[in-house]
Amino acid sequence: MLPPLVLAAWVLGPVIAGQETFFLRDLFSTHLEMRHAVAVGLADGRLPLVDPLRDGQPLAGNPNAVAFYPTALLHLVLPLLAALNAHLLVHLLVAPFALFWLARELGLERRAAWAAGICYGFSGFLASQLTFFNLIAGVALAPALAAACHRAVRTGAAHRGAGLAPAAAAGALWA
């Protein structure tokens, strides 16, 4: 797993260091404006329910805004573009681990599970989701959700009530 992680650190290093930013058409034309409105709302100490910069467009009910996703809190401590990049980077880094968990849950050995996770983490499918700020989270976390559901069903069927913790994890991932 080390060589792909070193490669990822090398390729993503300028973004991680804040010297460069992801620039993708939909990301900047759609999501950046909404993230700015979310950041302004949070900085003012209010819930980002509507976008005052765009005639009161809804933020809370707009799935493109991702107004209440945990990474929105990054806007309280990071500049706008750094918080935007961090949201994408977090999910790029989580995706291989999520698929590793699913692969292990489905019975693959450790090395095979890491290989699956690395292939997923560097896949074109995952990279193409970076254009959609709101979709990257679902794509990165979907394998973890499947793993948690599988574990909940497996342990719950084996021992009545033992699937509670995995079921709670599945619920948190689903949310």
N, C-alpha and C. Protein backbone atom coordinates (compact mmCIF):
# COMPACT_ATOMS: atom_id res chain seq x y z
N MET A 1 0.80 -1.19 0.00
CA MET A 1 0.00 0.00 0.00
C MET A 1 0.86 1.27 0.00
N LEU A 2 2.10 1.16 0.43
CA LEU A 2 2.94 2.34 0.54
C LEU A 2 3.22 3.03 -0.80
N PRO A 3 3.60 2.31 -1.87
CA PRO A 3 3.87 3.01 -3.13
C PRO A 3 2.68 3.84 -3.66
N PRO A 4 1.46 3.31 -3.67
CA PRO A 4 0.35 4.16 -4.14
C PRO A 4 0.10 5.37 -3.24
N LEU A 5 0.29 5.21 -1.94
CA LEU A 5 0.10 6.35 -1.04
C LEU A 5 1.17 7.41 -1.24
N VAL A 6 2.40 6.97 -1.50
CA VAL A 6 3.48 7.93 -1.80
C VAL A 6 3.17 8.65 -3.10
N LEU A 7 2.69 7.92 -4.09
CA LEU A 7 2.31 8.53 -5.36
C LEU A 7 1.18 9.54 -5.16
N ALA A 8 0.18 9.17 -4.38
CA ALA A 8 -0.93 10.09 -4.11
C ALA A 8 -0.44 11.34 -3.39
N ALA A 9 0.43 11.17 -2.41
CA ALA A 9 0.96 12.32 -1.68
C ALA A 9 1.76 13.23 -2.61
N TRP A 10 2.48 12.64 -3.53
CA TRP A 10 3.28 13.42 -4.48
C TRP A 10 2.38 14.20 -5.44
N VAL A 11 1.35 13.51 -5.98
CA VAL A 11 0.45 14.15 -6.95
C VAL A 11 -0.43 15.20 -6.26
N LEU A 12 -0.92 14.87 -5.08
CA LEU A 12 -1.83 15.77 -4.37
C LEU A 12 -1.12 16.74 -3.44
N GLY A 13 0.20 16.63 -3.33
CA GLY A 13 0.98 17.48 -2.43
C GLY A 13 0.71 18.96 -2.58
N PRO A 14 0.72 19.51 -3.80
CA PRO A 14 0.45 20.94 -3.94
C PRO A 14 -0.95 21.34 -3.48
N VAL A 15 -1.92 20.45 -3.65
CA VAL A 15 -3.28 20.75 -3.19
C VAL A 15 -3.33 20.68 -1.66
N ILE A 16 -2.69 19.66 -1.10
CA ILE A 16 -2.66 19.51 0.36
C ILE A 16 -1.96 20.70 1.00
N ALA A 17 -0.88 21.17 0.37
CA ALA A 17 -0.12 22.31 0.91
C ALA A 17 -0.81 23.65 0.67
N GLY A 18 -1.87 23.66 -0.13
CA GLY A 18 -2.59 24.90 -0.39
C GLY A 18 -1.97 25.73 -1.50
N GLN A 19 -1.00 25.18 -2.23
CA GLN A 19 -0.37 25.91 -3.32
C GLN A 19 -1.22 25.88 -4.59
N GLU A 20 -2.03 24.85 -4.74
CA GLU A 20 -2.91 24.70 -5.89
C GLU A 20 -4.29 24.33 -5.38
N THR A 21 -5.26 24.40 -6.28
CA THR A 21 -6.61 24.00 -5.91
C THR A 21 -7.19 23.12 -7.01
N PHE A 22 -8.15 22.31 -6.64
CA PHE A 22 -8.87 21.57 -7.66
C PHE A 22 -9.66 22.58 -8.48
N PHE A 23 -9.60 22.48 -9.78
CA PHE A 23 -10.41 23.36 -10.62
C PHE A 23 -11.15 22.48 -11.60
N LEU A 24 -12.39 22.32 -11.35
CA LEU A 24 -13.25 21.52 -12.21
C LEU A 24 -14.48 22.37 -12.50
N ARG A 25 -14.95 22.30 -13.71
CA ARG A 25 -16.01 23.19 -14.18
C ARG A 25 -17.21 23.23 -13.23
N ASP A 26 -17.82 22.11 -12.94
CA ASP A 26 -19.01 22.10 -12.09
C ASP A 26 -18.69 22.51 -10.67
N LEU A 27 -17.51 22.17 -10.24
CA LEU A 27 -17.12 22.51 -8.87
C LEU A 27 -17.10 24.03 -8.68
N PHE A 28 -16.54 24.73 -9.63
CA PHE A 28 -16.42 26.18 -9.50
C PHE A 28 -17.69 26.91 -9.94
N SER A 29 -18.39 26.40 -10.94
CA SER A 29 -19.56 27.12 -11.43
C SER A 29 -20.81 26.88 -10.60
N THR A 30 -20.88 25.78 -9.91
CA THR A 30 -22.08 25.46 -9.12
C THR A 30 -21.80 25.45 -7.62
N HIS A 31 -20.86 24.66 -7.20
CA HIS A 31 -20.69 24.40 -5.78
C HIS A 31 -19.93 25.48 -5.02
N LEU A 32 -18.99 26.14 -5.66
CA LEU A 32 -18.18 27.14 -4.96
C LEU A 32 -19.03 28.28 -4.42
N GLU A 33 -19.98 28.76 -5.22
CA GLU A 33 -20.84 29.85 -4.76
C GLU A 33 -21.67 29.44 -3.55
N MET A 34 -22.18 28.22 -3.60
CA MET A 34 -22.97 27.74 -2.46
C MET A 34 -22.11 27.54 -1.22
N ARG A 35 -20.90 27.05 -1.41
CA ARG A 35 -20.00 26.88 -0.26
C ARG A 35 -19.64 28.23 0.34
N HIS A 36 -19.52 29.23 -0.51
CA HIS A 36 -19.25 30.58 0.00
C HIS A 36 -20.41 31.04 0.88
N ALA A 37 -21.63 30.81 0.43
CA ALA A 37 -22.80 31.20 1.22
C ALA A 37 -22.86 30.42 2.53
N VAL A 38 -22.52 29.14 2.49
CA VAL A 38 -22.47 28.33 3.72
C VAL A 38 -21.42 28.89 4.66
N ALA A 39 -20.24 29.21 4.12
CA ALA A 39 -19.16 29.76 4.95
C ALA A 39 -19.55 31.09 5.57
N VAL A 40 -20.21 31.95 4.80
CA VAL A 40 -20.65 33.24 5.32
C VAL A 40 -21.66 33.03 6.45
N GLY A 41 -22.61 32.14 6.24
CA GLY A 41 -23.61 31.86 7.28
C GLY A 41 -22.98 31.34 8.55
N LEU A 42 -22.08 30.40 8.42
CA LEU A 42 -21.42 29.84 9.61
C LEU A 42 -20.56 30.89 10.31
N ALA A 43 -19.87 31.71 9.53
CA ALA A 43 -19.03 32.76 10.13
C ALA A 43 -19.87 33.78 10.88
N ASP A 44 -21.12 34.00 10.42
CA ASP A 44 -22.03 34.93 11.10
C ASP A 44 -22.73 34.28 12.29
N GLY A 45 -22.47 33.00 12.50
CA GLY A 45 -23.09 32.30 13.62
C GLY A 45 -24.53 31.90 13.38
N ARG A 46 -24.91 31.72 12.12
CA ARG A 46 -26.28 31.29 11.84
C ARG A 46 -26.28 30.04 10.96
N LEU A 47 -27.37 29.33 11.00
CA LEU A 47 -27.51 28.16 10.15
C LEU A 47 -27.60 28.61 8.69
N PRO A 48 -26.91 27.95 7.80
CA PRO A 48 -26.96 28.35 6.40
C PRO A 48 -28.23 27.82 5.71
N LEU A 49 -29.35 28.45 5.98
CA LEU A 49 -30.62 27.99 5.44
C LEU A 49 -30.88 28.51 4.04
N VAL A 50 -30.54 29.78 3.79
CA VAL A 50 -30.75 30.37 2.47
C VAL A 50 -29.47 31.11 2.06
N ASP A 51 -29.37 31.33 0.77
CA ASP A 51 -28.21 32.02 0.21
C ASP A 51 -28.56 33.49 0.00
N PRO A 52 -28.10 34.38 0.88
CA PRO A 52 -28.45 35.79 0.73
C PRO A 52 -27.80 36.44 -0.49
N LEU A 53 -26.75 35.80 -1.02
CA LEU A 53 -26.05 36.36 -2.17
C LEU A 53 -26.75 36.04 -3.49
N ARG A 54 -27.66 35.07 -3.46
CA ARG A 54 -28.37 34.67 -4.68
C ARG A 54 -29.88 34.73 -4.45
N ASP A 55 -30.34 35.86 -4.01
CA ASP A 55 -31.78 36.14 -3.87
C ASP A 55 -32.52 35.12 -3.01
N GLY A 56 -31.89 34.67 -1.97
CA GLY A 56 -32.57 33.78 -1.03
C GLY A 56 -32.76 32.36 -1.52
N GLN A 57 -31.92 31.92 -2.44
CA GLN A 57 -31.99 30.53 -2.90
C GLN A 57 -31.78 29.61 -1.70
N PRO A 58 -32.48 28.48 -1.65
CA PRO A 58 -32.33 27.60 -0.48
C PRO A 58 -30.98 26.91 -0.46
N LEU A 59 -30.42 26.83 0.71
CA LEU A 59 -29.20 26.04 0.93
C LEU A 59 -29.55 24.76 1.67
N ALA A 60 -30.41 24.89 2.68
CA ALA A 60 -30.74 23.74 3.52
C ALA A 60 -31.41 22.63 2.73
N GLY A 61 -32.25 22.99 1.79
CA GLY A 61 -32.96 21.98 1.01
C GLY A 61 -32.32 21.64 -0.31
N ASN A 62 -31.17 22.20 -0.59
CA ASN A 62 -30.50 21.98 -1.87
C ASN A 62 -29.40 20.95 -1.69
N PRO A 63 -29.55 19.77 -2.27
CA PRO A 63 -28.52 18.74 -2.09
C PRO A 63 -27.16 19.12 -2.68
N ASN A 64 -27.12 20.08 -3.59
CA ASN A 64 -25.84 20.54 -4.13
C ASN A 64 -25.06 21.36 -3.12
N ALA A 65 -25.75 21.98 -2.18
CA ALA A 65 -25.09 22.86 -1.20
C ALA A 65 -24.38 22.07 -0.12
N VAL A 66 -24.88 20.91 0.23
CA VAL A 66 -24.30 20.08 1.28
C VAL A 66 -24.07 20.93 2.54
N ALA A 67 -25.07 21.71 2.89
CA ALA A 67 -24.93 22.72 3.94
C ALA A 67 -24.68 22.13 5.33
N PHE A 68 -25.20 20.94 5.59
CA PHE A 68 -25.08 20.39 6.94
C PHE A 68 -24.18 19.15 7.00
N TYR A 69 -23.40 18.93 5.97
CA TYR A 69 -22.44 17.83 5.98
C TYR A 69 -21.29 18.22 6.92
N PRO A 70 -20.71 17.29 7.66
CA PRO A 70 -19.69 17.65 8.66
C PRO A 70 -18.52 18.49 8.13
N THR A 71 -18.15 18.31 6.87
CA THR A 71 -17.02 19.10 6.37
C THR A 71 -17.36 20.58 6.21
N ALA A 72 -18.63 20.94 6.35
CA ALA A 72 -18.99 22.37 6.32
C ALA A 72 -18.32 23.10 7.49
N LEU A 73 -18.05 22.39 8.56
CA LEU A 73 -17.40 23.01 9.72
C LEU A 73 -15.97 23.46 9.41
N LEU A 74 -15.38 22.91 8.35
CA LEU A 74 -14.04 23.33 7.96
C LEU A 74 -14.02 24.81 7.57
N HIS A 75 -15.16 25.33 7.16
CA HIS A 75 -15.23 26.75 6.79
C HIS A 75 -15.02 27.67 8.00
N LEU A 76 -15.17 27.13 9.19
CA LEU A 76 -14.94 27.94 10.38
C LEU A 76 -13.46 28.15 10.67
N VAL A 77 -12.61 27.26 10.13
CA VAL A 77 -11.18 27.33 10.45
C VAL A 77 -10.28 27.47 9.22
N LEU A 78 -10.83 27.29 8.02
CA LEU A 78 -10.01 27.34 6.81
C LEU A 78 -10.58 28.37 5.83
N PRO A 79 -9.73 28.92 4.98
CA PRO A 79 -10.24 29.77 3.90
C PRO A 79 -11.14 28.97 2.97
N LEU A 80 -11.93 29.65 2.17
CA LEU A 80 -12.94 29.02 1.32
C LEU A 80 -12.37 27.91 0.44
N LEU A 81 -11.34 28.20 -0.36
CA LEU A 81 -10.79 27.19 -1.27
C LEU A 81 -10.12 26.05 -0.52
N ALA A 82 -9.48 26.34 0.60
CA ALA A 82 -8.85 25.28 1.39
C ALA A 82 -9.91 24.34 1.96
N ALA A 83 -11.03 24.87 2.41
CA ALA A 83 -12.10 24.03 2.94
C ALA A 83 -12.73 23.20 1.81
N LEU A 84 -12.89 23.80 0.65
CA LEU A 84 -13.42 23.08 -0.51
C LEU A 84 -12.49 21.93 -0.88
N ASN A 85 -11.20 22.21 -0.95
CA ASN A 85 -10.22 21.17 -1.26
C ASN A 85 -10.19 20.09 -0.19
N ALA A 86 -10.28 20.49 1.06
CA ALA A 86 -10.22 19.52 2.16
C ALA A 86 -11.39 18.54 2.08
N HIS A 87 -12.56 19.03 1.72
CA HIS A 87 -13.72 18.14 1.56
C HIS A 87 -13.42 17.06 0.53
N LEU A 88 -12.84 17.47 -0.60
CA LEU A 88 -12.53 16.52 -1.66
C LEU A 88 -11.40 15.58 -1.24
N LEU A 89 -10.36 16.13 -0.62
CA LEU A 89 -9.21 15.31 -0.22
C LEU A 89 -9.59 14.27 0.83
N VAL A 90 -10.40 14.68 1.79
CA VAL A 90 -10.83 13.73 2.83
C VAL A 90 -11.50 12.52 2.19
N HIS A 91 -12.35 12.78 1.21
CA HIS A 91 -13.07 11.66 0.60
C HIS A 91 -12.18 10.84 -0.33
N LEU A 92 -11.22 11.49 -0.97
CA LEU A 92 -10.25 10.72 -1.76
C LEU A 92 -9.44 9.79 -0.87
N LEU A 93 -9.11 10.25 0.32
CA LEU A 93 -8.31 9.43 1.24
C LEU A 93 -9.14 8.37 1.95
N VAL A 94 -10.41 8.62 2.15
CA VAL A 94 -11.28 7.67 2.85
C VAL A 94 -11.69 6.51 1.93
N ALA A 95 -11.85 6.77 0.65
CA ALA A 95 -12.37 5.77 -0.28
C ALA A 95 -11.60 4.45 -0.27
N PRO A 96 -10.26 4.43 -0.31
CA PRO A 96 -9.57 3.14 -0.28
C PRO A 96 -9.82 2.36 1.01
N PHE A 97 -9.92 3.07 2.12
CA PHE A 97 -10.16 2.40 3.39
C PHE A 97 -11.59 1.85 3.46
N ALA A 98 -12.53 2.57 2.87
CA ALA A 98 -13.92 2.10 2.84
C ALA A 98 -14.02 0.81 2.03
N LEU A 99 -13.37 0.76 0.87
CA LEU A 99 -13.43 -0.46 0.08
C LEU A 99 -12.62 -1.58 0.72
N PHE A 100 -11.53 -1.23 1.39
CA PHE A 100 -10.77 -2.25 2.14
C PHE A 100 -11.68 -2.91 3.17
N TRP A 101 -12.44 -2.11 3.90
CA TRP A 101 -13.35 -2.65 4.91
C TRP A 101 -14.38 -3.58 4.26
N LEU A 102 -14.95 -3.16 3.14
CA LEU A 102 -15.93 -4.00 2.46
C LEU A 102 -15.29 -5.29 1.98
N ALA A 103 -14.11 -5.19 1.39
CA ALA A 103 -13.43 -6.39 0.89
C ALA A 103 -13.11 -7.36 2.02
N ARG A 104 -12.66 -6.85 3.15
CA ARG A 104 -12.40 -7.72 4.31
C ARG A 104 -13.69 -8.34 4.82
N GLU A 105 -14.75 -7.55 4.85
CA GLU A 105 -16.04 -8.05 5.31
C GLU A 105 -16.55 -9.17 4.42
N LEU A 106 -16.22 -9.08 3.13
CA LEU A 106 -16.66 -10.11 2.19
C LEU A 106 -15.71 -11.29 2.10
N GLY A 107 -14.66 -11.28 2.93
CA GLY A 107 -13.80 -12.45 3.04
C GLY A 107 -12.47 -12.39 2.32
N LEU A 108 -12.13 -11.28 1.69
CA LEU A 108 -10.82 -11.20 1.05
C LEU A 108 -9.72 -11.11 2.09
N GLU A 109 -8.57 -11.66 1.75
CA GLU A 109 -7.42 -11.55 2.65
C GLU A 109 -6.93 -10.11 2.65
N ARG A 110 -6.12 -9.80 3.64
CA ARG A 110 -5.68 -8.42 3.87
C ARG A 110 -5.03 -7.78 2.64
N ARG A 111 -4.09 -8.49 2.02
CA ARG A 111 -3.38 -7.91 0.87
C ARG A 111 -4.32 -7.71 -0.31
N ALA A 112 -5.20 -8.65 -0.55
CA ALA A 112 -6.17 -8.52 -1.64
C ALA A 112 -7.14 -7.37 -1.37
N ALA A 113 -7.53 -7.22 -0.11
CA ALA A 113 -8.44 -6.13 0.26
C ALA A 113 -7.77 -4.77 0.05
N TRP A 114 -6.47 -4.66 0.40
CA TRP A 114 -5.75 -3.40 0.15
C TRP A 114 -5.64 -3.13 -1.34
N ALA A 115 -5.38 -4.17 -2.11
CA ALA A 115 -5.29 -4.00 -3.56
C ALA A 115 -6.62 -3.49 -4.11
N ALA A 116 -7.71 -4.04 -3.63
CA ALA A 116 -9.04 -3.58 -4.07
C ALA A 116 -9.25 -2.13 -3.67
N GLY A 117 -8.89 -1.79 -2.45
CA GLY A 117 -9.06 -0.42 -1.98
C GLY A 117 -8.24 0.57 -2.78
N ILE A 118 -7.00 0.22 -3.09
CA ILE A 118 -6.13 1.10 -3.89
C ILE A 118 -6.69 1.26 -5.30
N CYS A 119 -7.14 0.17 -5.90
CA CYS A 119 -7.72 0.26 -7.24
C CYS A 119 -8.93 1.18 -7.24
N TYR A 120 -9.76 1.06 -6.21
CA TYR A 120 -10.93 1.92 -6.12
C TYR A 120 -10.53 3.37 -5.88
N GLY A 121 -9.58 3.57 -4.98
CA GLY A 121 -9.14 4.92 -4.64
C GLY A 121 -8.50 5.67 -5.80
N PHE A 122 -7.91 4.94 -6.74
CA PHE A 122 -7.28 5.56 -7.90
C PHE A 122 -8.10 5.37 -9.18
N SER A 123 -9.33 4.94 -9.03
CA SER A 123 -10.15 4.67 -10.22
C SER A 123 -10.61 5.96 -10.89
N GLY A 124 -10.83 5.86 -12.16
CA GLY A 124 -11.37 6.99 -12.91
C GLY A 124 -12.77 7.35 -12.44
N PHE A 125 -13.53 6.34 -12.04
CA PHE A 125 -14.87 6.60 -11.52
C PHE A 125 -14.82 7.52 -10.32
N LEU A 126 -13.94 7.22 -9.37
CA LEU A 126 -13.84 8.05 -8.18
C LEU A 126 -13.32 9.44 -8.54
N ALA A 127 -12.32 9.51 -9.40
CA ALA A 127 -11.77 10.81 -9.80
C ALA A 127 -12.81 11.65 -10.52
N SER A 128 -13.66 11.03 -11.33
CA SER A 128 -14.67 11.79 -12.05
C SER A 128 -15.72 12.38 -11.11
N GLN A 129 -15.88 11.78 -9.94
CA GLN A 129 -16.85 12.31 -8.98
C GLN A 129 -16.37 13.58 -8.30
N LEU A 130 -15.11 13.92 -8.47
CA LEU A 130 -14.59 15.16 -7.90
C LEU A 130 -15.22 16.40 -8.51
N THR A 131 -15.84 16.26 -9.67
CA THR A 131 -16.50 17.42 -10.27
C THR A 131 -17.81 17.74 -9.54
N PHE A 132 -18.28 16.80 -8.76
CA PHE A 132 -19.55 16.99 -8.05
C PHE A 132 -19.30 16.97 -6.55
N PHE A 133 -19.23 18.14 -5.97
CA PHE A 133 -18.93 18.29 -4.55
C PHE A 133 -19.87 17.45 -3.69
N ASN A 134 -21.12 17.35 -4.10
CA ASN A 134 -22.11 16.66 -3.30
C ASN A 134 -22.09 15.15 -3.50
N LEU A 135 -21.52 14.65 -4.58
CA LEU A 135 -21.55 13.22 -4.85
C LEU A 135 -20.34 12.47 -4.33
N ILE A 136 -19.23 13.14 -4.17
CA ILE A 136 -17.99 12.47 -3.79
C ILE A 136 -18.13 11.75 -2.45
N ALA A 137 -18.88 12.32 -1.53
CA ALA A 137 -19.05 11.68 -0.23
C ALA A 137 -19.77 10.34 -0.36
N GLY A 138 -20.84 10.32 -1.12
CA GLY A 138 -21.59 9.08 -1.30
C GLY A 138 -20.77 8.01 -1.99
N VAL A 139 -20.02 8.41 -3.00
CA VAL A 139 -19.19 7.46 -3.74
C VAL A 139 -18.06 6.93 -2.86
N ALA A 140 -17.46 7.80 -2.07
CA ALA A 140 -16.34 7.37 -1.21
C ALA A 140 -16.82 6.50 -0.06
N LEU A 141 -17.98 6.80 0.48
CA LEU A 141 -18.46 6.08 1.68
C LEU A 141 -19.38 4.91 1.38
N ALA A 142 -19.84 4.75 0.14
CA ALA A 142 -20.75 3.65 -0.19
C ALA A 142 -20.18 2.27 0.17
N PRO A 143 -18.91 1.99 -0.10
CA PRO A 143 -18.40 0.67 0.31
C PRO A 143 -18.43 0.47 1.83
N ALA A 144 -18.17 1.52 2.58
CA ALA A 144 -18.23 1.41 4.04
C ALA A 144 -19.66 1.15 4.50
N LEU A 145 -20.62 1.80 3.85
CA LEU A 145 -22.03 1.55 4.17
C LEU A 145 -22.38 0.10 3.90
N ALA A 146 -21.96 -0.41 2.75
CA ALA A 146 -22.24 -1.81 2.42
C ALA A 146 -21.58 -2.75 3.42
N ALA A 147 -20.35 -2.43 3.83
CA ALA A 147 -19.65 -3.27 4.82
C ALA A 147 -20.38 -3.24 6.16
N ALA A 148 -20.82 -2.08 6.59
CA ALA A 148 -21.52 -1.97 7.87
C ALA A 148 -22.85 -2.72 7.82
N CYS A 149 -23.56 -2.60 6.71
CA CYS A 149 -24.83 -3.33 6.57
C CYS A 149 -24.59 -4.84 6.58
N HIS A 150 -23.58 -5.28 5.86
CA HIS A 150 -23.25 -6.70 5.83
C HIS A 150 -22.90 -7.21 7.22
N ARG A 151 -22.08 -6.45 7.93
CA ARG A 151 -21.70 -6.83 9.29
C ARG A 151 -22.92 -6.87 10.21
N ALA A 152 -23.81 -5.88 10.08
CA ALA A 152 -25.00 -5.84 10.93
C ALA A 152 -25.89 -7.05 10.70
N VAL A 153 -26.07 -7.41 9.44
CA VAL A 153 -26.90 -8.57 9.13
C VAL A 153 -26.22 -9.86 9.60
N ARG A 154 -24.93 -9.96 9.35
CA ARG A 154 -24.19 -11.17 9.72
C ARG A 154 -24.15 -11.36 11.23
N THR A 155 -23.80 -10.33 11.97
CA THR A 155 -23.70 -10.48 13.42
C THR A 155 -25.07 -10.53 14.07
N GLY A 156 -26.02 -9.81 13.52
CA GLY A 156 -27.38 -9.85 14.07
C GLY A 156 -28.01 -11.20 13.89
N ALA A 157 -27.73 -11.85 12.77
CA ALA A 157 -28.29 -13.19 12.53
C ALA A 157 -27.62 -14.22 13.41
N ALA A 158 -26.34 -14.05 13.69
CA ALA A 158 -25.60 -15.01 14.50
C ALA A 158 -25.95 -14.89 15.98
N HIS A 159 -26.06 -13.68 16.46
CA HIS A 159 -26.35 -13.43 17.88
C HIS A 159 -27.40 -12.35 17.96
N ARG A 160 -28.53 -12.72 18.42
CA ARG A 160 -29.64 -11.75 18.50
C ARG A 160 -29.21 -10.48 19.26
N GLY A 161 -29.35 -9.34 18.59
CA GLY A 161 -29.02 -8.07 19.22
C GLY A 161 -27.56 -7.67 19.07
N ALA A 162 -26.68 -8.58 18.62
CA ALA A 162 -25.26 -8.26 18.50
C ALA A 162 -24.98 -7.34 17.32
N GLY A 163 -25.93 -7.19 16.41
CA GLY A 163 -25.73 -6.34 15.24
C GLY A 163 -26.03 -4.88 15.49
N LEU A 164 -26.23 -4.49 16.76
CA LEU A 164 -26.60 -3.11 17.06
C LEU A 164 -25.51 -2.11 16.70
N ALA A 165 -24.27 -2.37 17.09
CA ALA A 165 -23.18 -1.43 16.77
C ALA A 165 -22.96 -1.31 15.26
N PRO A 166 -22.89 -2.42 14.52
CA PRO A 166 -22.76 -2.26 13.07
C PRO A 166 -23.98 -1.59 12.44
N ALA A 167 -25.16 -1.84 12.99
CA ALA A 167 -26.36 -1.18 12.46
C ALA A 167 -26.29 0.32 12.72
N ALA A 168 -25.78 0.70 13.88
CA ALA A 168 -25.62 2.13 14.17
C ALA A 168 -24.59 2.76 13.23
N ALA A 169 -23.51 2.03 12.96
CA ALA A 169 -22.50 2.53 12.01
C ALA A 169 -23.11 2.68 10.62
N ALA A 170 -23.93 1.71 10.22
CA ALA A 170 -24.58 1.80 8.91
C ALA A 170 -25.52 3.01 8.87
N GLY A 171 -26.24 3.23 9.94
CA GLY A 171 -27.14 4.39 10.00
C GLY A 171 -26.38 5.70 9.92
N ALA A 172 -25.26 5.79 10.61
CA ALA A 172 -24.44 7.01 10.57
C ALA A 172 -23.88 7.23 9.17
N LEU A 173 -23.42 6.18 8.53
CA LEU A 173 -22.88 6.30 7.18
C LEU A 173 -23.99 6.67 6.19
N TRP A 174 -25.17 6.11 6.39
CA TRP A 174 -26.28 6.43 5.51
C TRP A 174 -26.66 7.91 5.66
N ALA A 175 -26.65 8.39 6.89
CA ALA A 175 -27.00 9.79 7.13
C ALA A 175 -25.96 10.70 6.50
